[in-house]
């Protein structure tokens, strides 16, 4: 069993056009970027690996990334498309599945 890891991003103060903000930058395109390391928030990216169970209209899907779950909602009632998204293990794989499908109606 994998130990639970608590995620704690490291926000940083920035100034944009004279206004002060607190920033948490992230990207995580299936690997950590400098932004992810500096701000310690790769888990905020859609491609970050995490388990999600989503139920819409009594149909349930289980996904390995938020990207797969998000893209799948466009073809939710197409069982073969949903299964293809459920089988992806990375955000890039989910994106490739999306690119291979016809635009949802």
PDB file of N, CA and C in Angstrom:
ATOM      1  N   UNK A   1       0.844  -1.181   0.000  1.00  0.00           N
ATOM      2  CA  UNK A   1       0.000   0.000   0.000  1.00  0.00           C
ATOM      3  C   UNK A   1       0.888   1.243   0.000  1.00  0.00           C
ATOM      4  N   UNK A   2       0.528   2.208  -0.816  1.00  0.00           N
ATOM      5  CA  UNK A   2       1.314   3.435  -0.938  1.00  0.00           C
ATOM      6  C   UNK A   2       0.942   4.411   0.180  1.00  0.00           C
ATOM      7  N   UNK A   3       1.954   5.063   0.750  1.00  0.00           N
ATOM      8  CA  UNK A   3       1.719   6.031   1.825  1.00  0.00           C
ATOM      9  C   UNK A   3       1.077   7.294   1.264  1.00  0.00           C
ATOM     10  N   UNK A   4       0.214   7.895   2.045  1.00  0.00           N
ATOM     11  CA  UNK A   4      -0.440   9.141   1.659  1.00  0.00           C
ATOM     12  C   UNK A   4       0.558  10.285   1.758  1.00  0.00           C
ATOM     13  N   UNK A   5       0.678  11.048   0.699  1.00  0.00           N
ATOM     14  CA  UNK A   5       1.559  12.212   0.679  1.00  0.00           C
ATOM     15  C   UNK A   5       0.710  13.465   0.686  1.00  0.00           C
ATOM     16  N   UNK A   6       0.989  14.370   1.600  1.00  0.00           N
ATOM     17  CA  UNK A   6       0.265  15.635   1.634  1.00  0.00           C
ATOM     18  C   UNK A   6       0.957  16.616   0.709  1.00  0.00           C
ATOM     19  N   UNK A   7       0.182  17.303  -0.098  1.00  0.00           N
ATOM     20  CA  UNK A   7       0.721  18.249  -1.062  1.00  0.00           C
ATOM     21  C   UNK A   7       0.656  19.651  -0.479  1.00  0.00           C
ATOM     22  N   UNK A   8       1.781  20.317  -0.465  1.00  0.00           N
ATOM     23  CA  UNK A   8       1.840  21.678   0.049  1.00  0.00           C
ATOM     24  C   UNK A   8       2.592  22.551  -0.941  1.00  0.00           C
ATOM     25  N   UNK A   9       1.852  23.304  -1.769  1.00  0.00           N
ATOM     26  CA  UNK A   9       2.540  24.190  -2.710  1.00  0.00           C
ATOM     27  C   UNK A   9       3.262  25.311  -1.984  1.00  0.00           C
ATOM     28  N   UNK A  10       4.228  25.898  -2.663  1.00  0.00           N
ATOM     29  CA  UNK A  10       5.015  27.007  -2.118  1.00  0.00           C
ATOM     30  C   UNK A  10       4.696  28.281  -2.909  1.00  0.00           C
ATOM     31  N   UNK A  11       3.669  29.039  -2.511  1.00  0.00           N
ATOM     32  CA  UNK A  11       3.341  30.279  -3.222  1.00  0.00           C
ATOM     33  C   UNK A  11       4.468  31.299  -3.083  1.00  0.00           C
ATOM     34  N   UNK A  12       4.538  32.205  -4.052  1.00  0.00           N
ATOM     35  CA  UNK A  12       5.556  33.259  -4.029  1.00  0.00           C
ATOM     36  C   UNK A  12       4.912  34.596  -4.377  1.00  0.00           C
ATOM     37  N   UNK A  13       5.366  35.664  -3.729  1.00  0.00           N
ATOM     38  CA  UNK A  13       4.833  36.991  -4.061  1.00  0.00           C
ATOM     39  C   UNK A  13       5.383  37.465  -5.408  1.00  0.00           C
ATOM     40  N   UNK A  14       4.511  38.068  -6.212  1.00  0.00           N
ATOM     41  CA  UNK A  14       4.922  38.654  -7.489  1.00  0.00           C
ATOM     42  C   UNK A  14       4.249  40.009  -7.633  1.00  0.00           C
ATOM     43  N   UNK A  15       4.820  40.839  -8.479  1.00  0.00           N
ATOM     44  CA  UNK A  15       4.235  42.141  -8.781  1.00  0.00           C
ATOM     45  C   UNK A  15       4.011  42.222 -10.286  1.00  0.00           C
ATOM     46  N   UNK A  16       2.780  42.524 -10.677  1.00  0.00           N
ATOM     47  CA  UNK A  16       2.425  42.653 -12.086  1.00  0.00           C
ATOM     48  C   UNK A  16       1.746  44.001 -12.267  1.00  0.00           C
ATOM     49  N   UNK A  17       2.366  44.855 -13.073  1.00  0.00           N
ATOM     50  CA  UNK A  17       1.839  46.211 -13.302  1.00  0.00           C
ATOM     51  C   UNK A  17       1.575  46.958 -11.993  1.00  0.00           C
ATOM     52  N   UNK A  18       2.483  46.800 -11.042  1.00  0.00           N
ATOM     53  CA  UNK A  18       2.370  47.515  -9.779  1.00  0.00           C
ATOM     54  C   UNK A  18       1.424  46.878  -8.774  1.00  0.00           C
ATOM     55  N   UNK A  19       0.749  45.809  -9.141  1.00  0.00           N
ATOM     56  CA  UNK A  19      -0.157  45.105  -8.229  1.00  0.00           C
ATOM     57  C   UNK A  19       0.569  43.905  -7.628  1.00  0.00           C
ATOM     58  N   UNK A  20       0.375  43.672  -6.348  1.00  0.00           N
ATOM     59  CA  UNK A  20       0.983  42.526  -5.680  1.00  0.00           C
ATOM     60  C   UNK A  20       0.024  41.339  -5.702  1.00  0.00           C
ATOM     61  N   UNK A  21       0.583  40.175  -5.996  1.00  0.00           N
ATOM     62  CA  UNK A  21      -0.192  38.936  -6.032  1.00  0.00           C
ATOM     63  C   UNK A  21       0.617  37.838  -5.366  1.00  0.00           C
ATOM     64  N   UNK A  22      -0.057  36.786  -4.981  1.00  0.00           N
ATOM     65  CA  UNK A  22       0.605  35.570  -4.540  1.00  0.00           C
ATOM     66  C   UNK A  22       0.381  34.538  -5.635  1.00  0.00           C
ATOM     67  N   UNK A  23       1.458  33.965  -6.137  1.00  0.00           N
ATOM     68  CA  UNK A  23       1.402  33.094  -7.304  1.00  0.00           C
ATOM     69  C   UNK A  23       1.776  31.665  -6.950  1.00  0.00           C
ATOM     70  N   UNK A  24       1.028  30.729  -7.514  1.00  0.00           N
ATOM     71  CA  UNK A  24       1.419  29.323  -7.529  1.00  0.00           C
ATOM     72  C   UNK A  24       1.405  28.917  -8.994  1.00  0.00           C
ATOM     73  N   UNK A  25       2.576  28.691  -9.553  1.00  0.00           N
ATOM     74  CA  UNK A  25       2.676  28.287 -10.956  1.00  0.00           C
ATOM     75  C   UNK A  25       2.794  26.768 -11.031  1.00  0.00           C
ATOM     76  N   UNK A  26       2.219  26.197 -12.081  1.00  0.00           N
ATOM     77  CA  UNK A  26       2.310  24.757 -12.308  1.00  0.00           C
ATOM     78  C   UNK A  26       2.101  24.492 -13.788  1.00  0.00           C
ATOM     79  N   UNK A  27       2.544  23.324 -14.232  1.00  0.00           N
ATOM     80  CA  UNK A  27       2.335  22.936 -15.623  1.00  0.00           C
ATOM     81  C   UNK A  27       2.213  21.418 -15.708  1.00  0.00           C
ATOM     82  N   UNK A  28       3.229  20.684 -15.384  1.00  0.00           N
ATOM     83  CA  UNK A  28       3.307  19.223 -15.375  1.00  0.00           C
ATOM     84  C   UNK A  28       2.765  18.559 -16.643  1.00  0.00           C
ATOM     85  N   UNK A  29       3.512  18.648 -17.748  1.00  0.00           N
ATOM     86  CA  UNK A  29       3.127  17.957 -18.991  1.00  0.00           C
ATOM     87  C   UNK A  29       3.627  16.503 -18.994  1.00  0.00           C
ATOM     88  N   UNK A  30       3.236  15.723 -17.996  1.00  0.00           N
ATOM     89  CA  UNK A  30       3.676  14.343 -17.760  1.00  0.00           C
ATOM     90  C   UNK A  30       5.095  14.258 -17.220  1.00  0.00           C
ATOM     91  N   UNK A  31       5.667  15.382 -16.848  1.00  0.00           N
ATOM     92  CA  UNK A  31       6.961  15.408 -16.156  1.00  0.00           C
ATOM     93  C   UNK A  31       7.067  16.755 -15.450  1.00  0.00           C
ATOM     94  N   UNK A  32       7.871  16.793 -14.391  1.00  0.00           N
ATOM     95  CA  UNK A  32       8.020  18.053 -13.658  1.00  0.00           C
ATOM     96  C   UNK A  32       8.780  19.076 -14.485  1.00  0.00           C
ATOM     97  N   UNK A  33       8.315  20.308 -14.415  1.00  0.00           N
ATOM     98  CA  UNK A  33       9.010  21.430 -15.043  1.00  0.00           C
ATOM     99  C   UNK A  33       9.636  22.275 -13.930  1.00  0.00           C
ATOM    100  N   UNK A  34      10.400  23.273 -14.300  1.00  0.00           N
ATOM    101  CA  UNK A  34      10.967  24.167 -13.286  1.00  0.00           C
ATOM    102  C   UNK A  34       9.870  24.803 -12.441  1.00  0.00           C
ATOM    103  N   UNK A  35       8.761  25.199 -13.084  1.00  0.00           N
ATOM    104  CA  UNK A  35       7.651  25.794 -12.319  1.00  0.00           C
ATOM    105  C   UNK A  35       7.150  24.825 -11.252  1.00  0.00           C
ATOM    106  N   UNK A  36       7.003  23.566 -11.636  1.00  0.00           N
ATOM    107  CA  UNK A  36       6.506  22.561 -10.698  1.00  0.00           C
ATOM    108  C   UNK A  36       7.460  22.368  -9.526  1.00  0.00           C
ATOM    109  N   UNK A  37       8.759  22.369  -9.802  1.00  0.00           N
ATOM    110  CA  UNK A  37       9.744  22.197  -8.731  1.00  0.00           C
ATOM    111  C   UNK A  37       9.799  23.424  -7.820  1.00  0.00           C
ATOM    112  N   UNK A  38       9.804  24.613  -8.406  1.00  0.00           N
ATOM    113  CA  UNK A  38       9.918  25.841  -7.609  1.00  0.00           C
ATOM    114  C   UNK A  38       8.698  26.033  -6.711  1.00  0.00           C
ATOM    115  N   UNK A  39       7.517  25.877  -7.289  1.00  0.00           N
ATOM    116  CA  UNK A  39       6.285  26.146  -6.537  1.00  0.00           C
ATOM    117  C   UNK A  39       5.701  24.896  -5.889  1.00  0.00           C
ATOM    118  N   UNK A  40       6.279  23.754  -6.156  1.00  0.00           N
ATOM    119  CA  UNK A  40       5.891  22.465  -5.582  1.00  0.00           C
ATOM    120  C   UNK A  40       4.397  22.189  -5.747  1.00  0.00           C
ATOM    121  N   UNK A  41       3.904  22.398  -6.973  1.00  0.00           N
ATOM    122  CA  UNK A  41       2.476  22.192  -7.214  1.00  0.00           C
ATOM    123  C   UNK A  41       2.189  21.427  -8.511  1.00  0.00           C
ATOM    124  N   UNK A  42       2.988  20.413  -8.870  1.00  0.00           N
ATOM    125  CA  UNK A  42       2.695  19.696 -10.114  1.00  0.00           C
ATOM    126  C   UNK A  42       1.333  19.009 -10.077  1.00  0.00           C
ATOM    127  N   UNK A  43       0.867  18.681  -8.875  1.00  0.00           N
ATOM    128  CA  UNK A  43      -0.413  17.993  -8.702  1.00  0.00           C
ATOM    129  C   UNK A  43      -1.611  18.838  -9.136  1.00  0.00           C
ATOM    130  N   UNK A  44      -1.405  20.131  -9.396  1.00  0.00           N
ATOM    131  CA  UNK A  44      -2.499  20.977  -9.872  1.00  0.00           C
ATOM    132  C   UNK A  44      -2.700  20.857 -11.385  1.00  0.00           C
ATOM    133  N   UNK A  45      -1.770  20.237 -12.083  1.00  0.00           N
ATOM    134  CA  UNK A  45      -1.876  20.076 -13.532  1.00  0.00           C
ATOM    135  C   UNK A  45      -2.781  18.914 -13.910  1.00  0.00           C
ATOM    136  N   UNK A  46      -3.495  19.047 -15.011  1.00  0.00           N
ATOM    137  CA  UNK A  46      -4.411  18.007 -15.486  1.00  0.00           C
ATOM    138  C   UNK A  46      -3.709  16.705 -15.851  1.00  0.00           C
ATOM    139  N   UNK A  47      -2.423  16.768 -16.183  1.00  0.00           N
ATOM    140  CA  UNK A  47      -1.712  15.568 -16.607  1.00  0.00           C
ATOM    141  C   UNK A  47      -1.111  14.799 -15.424  1.00  0.00           C
ATOM    142  N   UNK A  48      -1.164  15.347 -14.232  1.00  0.00           N
ATOM    143  CA  UNK A  48      -0.584  14.711 -13.054  1.00  0.00           C
ATOM    144  C   UNK A  48      -1.329  13.407 -12.750  1.00  0.00           C
ATOM    145  N   UNK A  49      -0.605  12.353 -12.448  1.00  0.00           N
ATOM    146  CA  UNK A  49      -1.214  11.051 -12.170  1.00  0.00           C
ATOM    147  C   UNK A  49      -1.985  11.070 -10.855  1.00  0.00           C
ATOM    148  N   UNK A  50      -3.250  10.722 -10.937  1.00  0.00           N
ATOM    149  CA  UNK A  50      -4.102  10.594  -9.755  1.00  0.00           C
ATOM    150  C   UNK A  50      -5.306   9.747 -10.141  1.00  0.00           C
ATOM    151  N   UNK A  51      -5.904   9.097  -9.187  1.00  0.00           N
ATOM    152  CA  UNK A  51      -7.083   8.275  -9.463  1.00  0.00           C
ATOM    153  C   UNK A  51      -8.340   9.103  -9.290  1.00  0.00           C
ATOM    154  N   UNK A  52      -9.218   9.025 -10.285  1.00  0.00           N
ATOM    155  CA  UNK A  52     -10.490   9.744 -10.231  1.00  0.00           C
ATOM    156  C   UNK A  52     -11.613   8.799 -10.623  1.00  0.00           C
ATOM    157  N   UNK A  53     -12.703   8.869  -9.892  1.00  0.00           N
ATOM    158  CA  UNK A  53     -13.918   8.149 -10.251  1.00  0.00           C
ATOM    159  C   UNK A  53     -14.980   9.203 -10.476  1.00  0.00           C
ATOM    160  N   UNK A  54     -15.579   9.177 -11.657  1.00  0.00           N
ATOM    161  CA  UNK A  54     -16.548  10.191 -12.046  1.00  0.00           C
ATOM    162  C   UNK A  54     -17.831   9.501 -12.480  1.00  0.00           C
ATOM    163  N   UNK A  55     -18.971   9.959 -11.950  1.00  0.00           N
ATOM    164  CA  UNK A  55     -20.271   9.429 -12.344  1.00  0.00           C
ATOM    165  C   UNK A  55     -21.105  10.555 -12.920  1.00  0.00           C
ATOM    166  N   UNK A  56     -21.596  10.340 -14.137  1.00  0.00           N
ATOM    167  CA  UNK A  56     -22.486  11.283 -14.807  1.00  0.00           C
ATOM    168  C   UNK A  56     -23.664  10.480 -15.338  1.00  0.00           C
ATOM    169  N   UNK A  57     -24.871  10.887 -15.006  1.00  0.00           N
ATOM    170  CA  UNK A  57     -26.083  10.196 -15.483  1.00  0.00           C
ATOM    171  C   UNK A  57     -26.024   8.696 -15.226  1.00  0.00           C
ATOM    172  N   UNK A  58     -25.643   8.296 -14.051  1.00  0.00           N
ATOM    173  CA  UNK A  58     -25.539   6.906 -13.587  1.00  0.00           C
ATOM    174  C   UNK A  58     -24.454   6.087 -14.295  1.00  0.00           C
ATOM    175  N   UNK A  59     -23.647   6.705 -15.127  1.00  0.00           N
ATOM    176  CA  UNK A  59     -22.526   6.024 -15.789  1.00  0.00           C
ATOM    177  C   UNK A  59     -21.245   6.434 -15.068  1.00  0.00           C
ATOM    178  N   UNK A  60     -20.469   5.438 -14.643  1.00  0.00           N
ATOM    179  CA  UNK A  60     -19.252   5.702 -13.873  1.00  0.00           C
ATOM    180  C   UNK A  60     -18.020   5.342 -14.686  1.00  0.00           C
ATOM    181  N   UNK A  61     -17.021   6.206 -14.603  1.00  0.00           N
ATOM    182  CA  UNK A  61     -15.732   5.953 -15.232  1.00  0.00           C
ATOM    183  C   UNK A  61     -14.621   6.148 -14.218  1.00  0.00           C
ATOM    184  N   UNK A  62     -13.539   5.405 -14.382  1.00  0.00           N
ATOM    185  CA  UNK A  62     -12.375   5.506 -13.502  1.00  0.00           C
ATOM    186  C   UNK A  62     -11.175   5.911 -14.355  1.00  0.00           C
ATOM    187  N   UNK A  63     -10.454   6.932 -13.910  1.00  0.00           N
ATOM    188  CA  UNK A  63      -9.397   7.533 -14.722  1.00  0.00           C
ATOM    189  C   UNK A  63      -8.110   7.679 -13.920  1.00  0.00           C
ATOM    190  N   UNK A  64      -7.001   7.813 -14.656  1.00  0.00           N
ATOM    191  CA  UNK A  64      -5.680   7.936 -14.035  1.00  0.00           C
ATOM    192  C   UNK A  64      -5.152   9.365 -14.036  1.00  0.00           C
ATOM    193  N   UNK A  65      -5.824  10.272 -14.752  1.00  0.00           N
ATOM    194  CA  UNK A  65      -5.458  11.694 -14.759  1.00  0.00           C
ATOM    195  C   UNK A  65      -6.723  12.535 -14.888  1.00  0.00           C
ATOM    196  N   UNK A  66      -6.652  13.762 -14.419  1.00  0.00           N
ATOM    197  CA  UNK A  66      -7.772  14.689 -14.600  1.00  0.00           C
ATOM    198  C   UNK A  66      -7.985  14.973 -16.081  1.00  0.00           C
ATOM    199  N   UNK A  67      -6.907  14.969 -16.867  1.00  0.00           N
ATOM    200  CA  UNK A  67      -7.032  15.201 -18.313  1.00  0.00           C
ATOM    201  C   UNK A  67      -7.903  14.135 -18.962  1.00  0.00           C
ATOM    202  N   UNK A  68      -7.692  12.888 -18.606  1.00  0.00           N
ATOM    203  CA  UNK A  68      -8.504  11.802 -19.165  1.00  0.00           C
ATOM    204  C   UNK A  68      -9.967  11.968 -18.773  1.00  0.00           C
ATOM    205  N   UNK A  69     -10.220  12.283 -17.510  1.00  0.00           N
ATOM    206  CA  UNK A  69     -11.602  12.475 -17.057  1.00  0.00           C
ATOM    207  C   UNK A  69     -12.247  13.653 -17.778  1.00  0.00           C
ATOM    208  N   UNK A  70     -11.530  14.767 -17.881  1.00  0.00           N
ATOM    209  CA  UNK A  70     -12.069  15.954 -18.544  1.00  0.00           C
ATOM    210  C   UNK A  70     -12.377  15.677 -20.009  1.00  0.00           C
ATOM    211  N   UNK A  71     -11.417  15.128 -20.738  1.00  0.00           N
ATOM    212  CA  UNK A  71     -11.640  14.863 -22.159  1.00  0.00           C
ATOM    213  C   UNK A  71     -12.776  13.867 -22.359  1.00  0.00           C
ATOM    214  N   UNK A  72     -12.860  12.877 -21.488  1.00  0.00           N
ATOM    215  CA  UNK A  72     -13.895  11.857 -21.611  1.00  0.00           C
ATOM    216  C   UNK A  72     -15.302  12.440 -21.476  1.00  0.00           C
ATOM    217  N   UNK A  73     -15.454  13.495 -20.695  1.00  0.00           N
ATOM    218  CA  UNK A  73     -16.803  14.064 -20.519  1.00  0.00           C
ATOM    219  C   UNK A  73     -17.400  14.514 -21.847  1.00  0.00           C
ATOM    220  N   UNK A  74     -16.582  14.785 -22.834  1.00  0.00           N
ATOM    221  CA  UNK A  74     -17.077  15.211 -24.152  1.00  0.00           C
ATOM    222  C   UNK A  74     -17.699  14.051 -24.922  1.00  0.00           C
ATOM    223  N   UNK A  75     -17.311  12.816 -24.583  1.00  0.00           N
ATOM    224  CA  UNK A  75     -17.826  11.617 -25.247  1.00  0.00           C
ATOM    225  C   UNK A  75     -18.412  10.658 -24.205  1.00  0.00           C
ATOM    226  N   UNK A  76     -18.951  11.178 -23.134  1.00  0.00           N
ATOM    227  CA  UNK A  76     -19.336  10.368 -21.978  1.00  0.00           C
ATOM    228  C   UNK A  76     -20.241   9.197 -22.327  1.00  0.00           C
ATOM    229  N   UNK A  77     -21.189   9.392 -23.206  1.00  0.00           N
ATOM    230  CA  UNK A  77     -22.152   8.327 -23.500  1.00  0.00           C
ATOM    231  C   UNK A  77     -21.702   7.405 -24.632  1.00  0.00           C
ATOM    232  N   UNK A  78     -20.466   7.536 -25.071  1.00  0.00           N
ATOM    233  CA  UNK A  78     -19.854   6.632 -26.047  1.00  0.00           C
ATOM    234  C   UNK A  78     -18.969   5.668 -25.256  1.00  0.00           C
ATOM    235  N   UNK A  79     -19.475   4.449 -25.048  1.00  0.00           N
ATOM    236  CA  UNK A  79     -18.790   3.490 -24.174  1.00  0.00           C
ATOM    237  C   UNK A  79     -17.376   3.170 -24.651  1.00  0.00           C
ATOM    238  N   UNK A  80     -17.172   3.036 -25.959  1.00  0.00           N
ATOM    239  CA  UNK A  80     -15.825   2.690 -26.436  1.00  0.00           C
ATOM    240  C   UNK A  80     -14.851   3.850 -26.230  1.00  0.00           C
ATOM    241  N   UNK A  81     -15.306   5.077 -26.417  1.00  0.00           N
ATOM    242  CA  UNK A  81     -14.445   6.240 -26.162  1.00  0.00           C
ATOM    243  C   UNK A  81     -14.136   6.337 -24.670  1.00  0.00           C
ATOM    244  N   UNK A  82     -15.155   6.131 -23.840  1.00  0.00           N
ATOM    245  CA  UNK A  82     -14.945   6.198 -22.392  1.00  0.00           C
ATOM    246  C   UNK A  82     -13.922   5.155 -21.954  1.00  0.00           C
ATOM    247  N   UNK A  83     -14.041   3.949 -22.496  1.00  0.00           N
ATOM    248  CA  UNK A  83     -13.095   2.890 -22.147  1.00  0.00           C
ATOM    249  C   UNK A  83     -11.677   3.259 -22.593  1.00  0.00           C
ATOM    250  N   UNK A  84     -11.550   3.878 -23.756  1.00  0.00           N
ATOM    251  CA  UNK A  84     -10.226   4.292 -24.238  1.00  0.00           C
ATOM    252  C   UNK A  84      -9.596   5.305 -23.281  1.00  0.00           C
ATOM    253  N   UNK A  85     -10.380   6.263 -22.803  1.00  0.00           N
ATOM    254  CA  UNK A  85      -9.854   7.242 -21.844  1.00  0.00           C
ATOM    255  C   UNK A  85      -9.520   6.575 -20.511  1.00  0.00           C
ATOM    256  N   UNK A  86     -10.342   5.616 -20.087  1.00  0.00           N
ATOM    257  CA  UNK A  86     -10.076   4.919 -18.825  1.00  0.00           C
ATOM    258  C   UNK A  86      -8.776   4.123 -18.893  1.00  0.00           C
ATOM    259  N   UNK A  87      -8.402   3.663 -20.061  1.00  0.00           N
ATOM    260  CA  UNK A  87      -7.196   2.844 -20.211  1.00  0.00           C
ATOM    261  C   UNK A  87      -5.919   3.667 -20.298  1.00  0.00           C
ATOM    262  N   UNK A  88      -6.033   4.974 -20.513  1.00  0.00           N
ATOM    263  CA  UNK A  88      -4.820   5.793 -20.573  1.00  0.00           C
ATOM    264  C   UNK A  88      -4.203   5.919 -19.184  1.00  0.00           C
ATOM    265  N   UNK A  89      -2.884   6.007 -19.148  1.00  0.00           N
ATOM    266  CA  UNK A  89      -2.200   6.141 -17.856  1.00  0.00           C
ATOM    267  C   UNK A  89      -1.484   7.477 -17.708  1.00  0.00           C
ATOM    268  N   UNK A  90      -1.438   8.263 -18.792  1.00  0.00           N
ATOM    269  CA  UNK A  90      -0.795   9.578 -18.725  1.00  0.00           C
ATOM    270  C   UNK A  90      -1.697  10.618 -19.383  1.00  0.00           C
ATOM    271  N   UNK A  91      -1.439  11.865 -19.083  1.00  0.00           N
ATOM    272  CA  UNK A  91      -2.176  12.950 -19.711  1.00  0.00           C
ATOM    273  C   UNK A  91      -1.940  13.001 -21.208  1.00  0.00           C
ATOM    274  N   UNK A  92      -0.695  12.736 -21.629  1.00  0.00           N
ATOM    275  CA  UNK A  92      -0.400  12.733 -23.065  1.00  0.00           C
ATOM    276  C   UNK A  92      -1.163  11.632 -23.792  1.00  0.00           C
ATOM    277  N   UNK A  93      -1.286  10.467 -23.176  1.00  0.00           N
ATOM    278  CA  UNK A  93      -2.079   9.398 -23.786  1.00  0.00           C
ATOM    279  C   UNK A  93      -3.538   9.835 -23.927  1.00  0.00           C
ATOM    280  N   UNK A  94      -4.086  10.464 -22.910  1.00  0.00           N
ATOM    281  CA  UNK A  94      -5.474  10.945 -22.973  1.00  0.00           C
ATOM    282  C   UNK A  94      -5.633  11.971 -24.089  1.00  0.00           C
ATOM    283  N   UNK A  95      -4.664  12.858 -24.223  1.00  0.00           N
ATOM    284  CA  UNK A  95      -4.702  13.872 -25.277  1.00  0.00           C
ATOM    285  C   UNK A  95      -4.673  13.213 -26.657  1.00  0.00           C
ATOM    286  N   UNK A  96      -3.859  12.157 -26.807  1.00  0.00           N
ATOM    287  CA  UNK A  96      -3.794  11.449 -28.087  1.00  0.00           C
ATOM    288  C   UNK A  96      -5.117  10.753 -28.405  1.00  0.00           C
ATOM    289  N   UNK A  97      -5.766  10.170 -27.400  1.00  0.00           N
ATOM    290  CA  UNK A  97      -7.084   9.559 -27.612  1.00  0.00           C
ATOM    291  C   UNK A  97      -8.061  10.617 -28.093  1.00  0.00           C
ATOM    292  N   UNK A  98      -8.065  11.762 -27.431  1.00  0.00           N
ATOM    293  CA  UNK A  98      -8.954  12.865 -27.805  1.00  0.00           C
ATOM    294  C   UNK A  98      -8.731  13.271 -29.257  1.00  0.00           C
ATOM    295  N   UNK A  99      -7.469  13.389 -29.653  1.00  0.00           N
ATOM    296  CA  UNK A  99      -7.154  13.808 -31.020  1.00  0.00           C
ATOM    297  C   UNK A  99      -7.616  12.783 -32.056  1.00  0.00           C
ATOM    298  N   UNK A 100      -7.727  11.514 -31.656  1.00  0.00           N
ATOM    299  CA  UNK A 100      -8.135  10.460 -32.572  1.00  0.00           C
ATOM    300  C   UNK A 100      -9.637  10.274 -32.696  1.00  0.00           C
ATOM    301  N   UNK A 101     -10.403  10.989 -31.901  1.00  0.00           N
ATOM    302  CA  UNK A 101     -11.862  10.853 -31.938  1.00  0.00           C
ATOM    303  C   UNK A 101     -12.487  11.970 -32.760  1.00  0.00           C
ATOM    304  N   UNK A 102     -13.627  11.667 -33.346  1.00  0.00           N
ATOM    305  CA  UNK A 102     -14.381  12.705 -34.052  1.00  0.00           C
ATOM    306  C   UNK A 102     -14.973  13.664 -33.039  1.00  0.00           C
ATOM    307  N   UNK A 103     -15.176  14.901 -33.446  1.00  0.00           N
ATOM    308  CA  UNK A 103     -15.753  15.922 -32.567  1.00  0.00           C
ATOM    309  C   UNK A 103     -17.087  15.418 -32.027  1.00  0.00           C
ATOM    310  N   UNK A 104     -17.290  15.517 -30.705  1.00  0.00           N
ATOM    311  CA  UNK A 104     -18.554  15.028 -30.135  1.00  0.00           C
ATOM    312  C   UNK A 104     -19.743  15.846 -30.642  1.00  0.00           C
ATOM    313  N   UNK A 105     -20.882  15.174 -30.738  1.00  0.00           N
ATOM    314  CA  UNK A 105     -22.093  15.872 -31.202  1.00  0.00           C
ATOM    315  C   UNK A 105     -22.963  16.286 -30.052  1.00  0.00           C
TER     316      UNK A 105
END
